[in-house]
Every structure is written in C-alpha cells, then in structure tokens.
C-alpha cells in the first residue's frame, strides 16, 4: 500500500475521506445559512413594502405615522 493510500485510510489524516466530507458539510451549512438569511431579508423587504404602501394609501395610517415618527420638542 502506498503512503497516500495509508493516509487516506487513517480517518484522522489531513486528507482522509472523512475529513474532506466534514469540510463539505460545513460548506453546505454555511451555504444554507446564507440562503436562509437572504430569504429572511427578502421576506422582510416584501413586508416593509406592503406596510409602506398601506401607509401611503390610508390617510389614518399616514397621520398616525406622521405623529408617531415626529419627535416632540421638550422644554418649549
């Protein structure tokens, strides 16, 4: 058996099949985390757009946001 074959048979060797599989799994985990975050951000953007459209179309909502978002000056 060649030294390369022996190293690949040793499960904790630097280039063993098991170590390469672990690396692939971590890449997949990071990739799925990134995809999940992108999906979450897209959902938040869509919901924010819906809220903004509602505020623009409804005078009561527009008035509420105008009052709520404008700070009061204290001491005047």
C-alpha atoms as a PDB file:
ATOM      1  CA  UNK A   1       0.000   0.000   0.000  1.00  0.00           C
ATOM      2  CA  UNK A   2       1.372   3.423  -0.916  1.00  0.00           C
ATOM      3  CA  UNK A   3       1.789   6.156   1.712  1.00  0.00           C
ATOM      4  CA  UNK A   4      -1.054   8.130   0.091  1.00  0.00           C
ATOM      5  CA  UNK A   5      -3.384   5.131   0.388  1.00  0.00           C
ATOM      6  CA  UNK A   6      -2.370   4.623   4.008  1.00  0.00           C
ATOM      7  CA  UNK A   7      -3.052   8.281   4.789  1.00  0.00           C
ATOM      8  CA  UNK A   8      -6.477   8.137   3.189  1.00  0.00           C
ATOM      9  CA  UNK A   9      -7.321   5.037   5.250  1.00  0.00           C
ATOM     10  CA  UNK A  10      -6.408   6.796   8.501  1.00  0.00           C
ATOM     11  CA  UNK A  11      -9.674   8.548   9.422  1.00  0.00           C
ATOM     12  CA  UNK A  12      -7.965  11.484  11.122  1.00  0.00           C
ATOM     13  CA  UNK A  13      -5.288  12.061   8.464  1.00  0.00           C
ATOM     14  CA  UNK A  14      -5.302  15.561   6.941  1.00  0.00           C
ATOM     15  CA  UNK A  15      -6.525  14.395   3.513  1.00  0.00           C
ATOM     16  CA  UNK A  16      -8.695  11.463   4.533  1.00  0.00           C
ATOM     17  CA  UNK A  17     -12.119  10.949   3.007  1.00  0.00           C
ATOM     18  CA  UNK A  18     -13.759  11.593   6.364  1.00  0.00           C
ATOM     19  CA  UNK A  19     -12.068  14.986   6.779  1.00  0.00           C
ATOM     20  CA  UNK A  20     -12.959  16.005   3.230  1.00  0.00           C
ATOM     21  CA  UNK A  21     -16.591  15.079   3.874  1.00  0.00           C
ATOM     22  CA  UNK A  22     -16.632  17.150   7.063  1.00  0.00           C
ATOM     23  CA  UNK A  23     -15.356  20.148   5.110  1.00  0.00           C
ATOM     24  CA  UNK A  24     -18.070  19.669   2.508  1.00  0.00           C
ATOM     25  CA  UNK A  25     -20.731  19.549   5.193  1.00  0.00           C
ATOM     26  CA  UNK A  26     -19.526  22.778   6.760  1.00  0.00           C
ATOM     27  CA  UNK A  27     -19.567  24.458   3.348  1.00  0.00           C
ATOM     28  CA  UNK A  28     -23.148  23.260   2.874  1.00  0.00           C
ATOM     29  CA  UNK A  29     -24.108  24.521   6.348  1.00  0.00           C
ATOM     30  CA  UNK A  30     -22.685  27.966   5.609  1.00  0.00           C
ATOM     31  CA  UNK A  31     -24.344  27.976   2.207  1.00  0.00           C
ATOM     32  CA  UNK A  32     -27.736  27.077   3.703  1.00  0.00           C
ATOM     33  CA  UNK A  33     -27.302  29.719   6.413  1.00  0.00           C
ATOM     34  CA  UNK A  34     -26.566  32.356   3.778  1.00  0.00           C
ATOM     35  CA  UNK A  35     -29.578  31.229   1.742  1.00  0.00           C
ATOM     36  CA  UNK A  36     -31.799  31.334   4.823  1.00  0.00           C
ATOM     37  CA  UNK A  37     -30.625  34.863   5.681  1.00  0.00           C
ATOM     38  CA  UNK A  38     -31.236  36.018   2.104  1.00  0.00           C
ATOM     39  CA  UNK A  39     -34.741  34.524   2.207  1.00  0.00           C
ATOM     40  CA  UNK A  40     -35.428  36.223   5.545  1.00  0.00           C
ATOM     41  CA  UNK A  41     -34.209  39.590   4.243  1.00  0.00           C
ATOM     42  CA  UNK A  42     -36.342  39.221   1.103  1.00  0.00           C
ATOM     43  CA  UNK A  43     -39.395  38.454   3.255  1.00  0.00           C
ATOM     44  CA  UNK A  44     -38.722  41.477   5.491  1.00  0.00           C
ATOM     45  CA  UNK A  45     -38.305  43.733   2.427  1.00  0.00           C
ATOM     46  CA  UNK A  46     -41.611  42.477   0.983  1.00  0.00           C
ATOM     47  CA  UNK A  47     -43.422  43.065   4.289  1.00  0.00           C
ATOM     48  CA  UNK A  48     -41.886  46.537   4.640  1.00  0.00           C
ATOM     49  CA  UNK A  49     -43.038  47.397   1.121  1.00  0.00           C
ATOM     50  CA  UNK A  50     -46.577  46.234   1.954  1.00  0.00           C
ATOM     51  CA  UNK A  51     -46.626  48.391   5.095  1.00  0.00           C
ATOM     52  CA  UNK A  52     -45.265  51.420   3.219  1.00  0.00           C
ATOM     53  CA  UNK A  53     -47.918  51.010   0.505  1.00  0.00           C
ATOM     54  CA  UNK A  54     -50.648  50.787   3.166  1.00  0.00           C
ATOM     55  CA  UNK A  55     -49.380  53.929   4.918  1.00  0.00           C
ATOM     56  CA  UNK A  56     -49.250  55.810   1.611  1.00  0.00           C
ATOM     57  CA  UNK A  57     -52.813  54.767   0.686  1.00  0.00           C
ATOM     58  CA  UNK A  58     -54.567  55.167   4.073  1.00  0.00           C
ATOM     59  CA  UNK A  59     -54.891  58.732   5.432  1.00  0.00           C
ATOM     60  CA  UNK A  60     -55.368  57.492   9.024  1.00  0.00           C
ATOM     61  CA  UNK A  61     -52.230  55.353   8.852  1.00  0.00           C
ATOM     62  CA  UNK A  62     -50.321  58.241   7.286  1.00  0.00           C
ATOM     63  CA  UNK A  63     -51.471  60.582  10.058  1.00  0.00           C
ATOM     64  CA  UNK A  64     -50.553  58.046  12.750  1.00  0.00           C
ATOM     65  CA  UNK A  65     -47.054  57.531  11.333  1.00  0.00           C
ATOM     66  CA  UNK A  66     -46.593  61.292  10.986  1.00  0.00           C
ATOM     67  CA  UNK A  67     -47.471  61.796  14.664  1.00  0.00           C
ATOM     68  CA  UNK A  68     -45.623  58.735  15.875  1.00  0.00           C
ATOM     69  CA  UNK A  69     -42.414  59.344  13.941  1.00  0.00           C
ATOM     70  CA  UNK A  70     -42.085  63.069  14.700  1.00  0.00           C
ATOM     71  CA  UNK A  71     -40.273  63.710  17.989  1.00  0.00           C
ATOM     72  CA  UNK A  72     -41.766  66.193  20.439  1.00  0.00           C
ATOM     73  CA  UNK A  73     -39.591  69.116  21.421  1.00  0.00           C
ATOM     74  CA  UNK A  74     -39.257  69.207  25.172  1.00  0.00           C
ATOM     75  CA  UNK A  75     -38.999  72.470  27.086  1.00  0.00           C
ATOM     76  CA  UNK A  76     -40.778  74.754  24.605  1.00  0.00           C
END
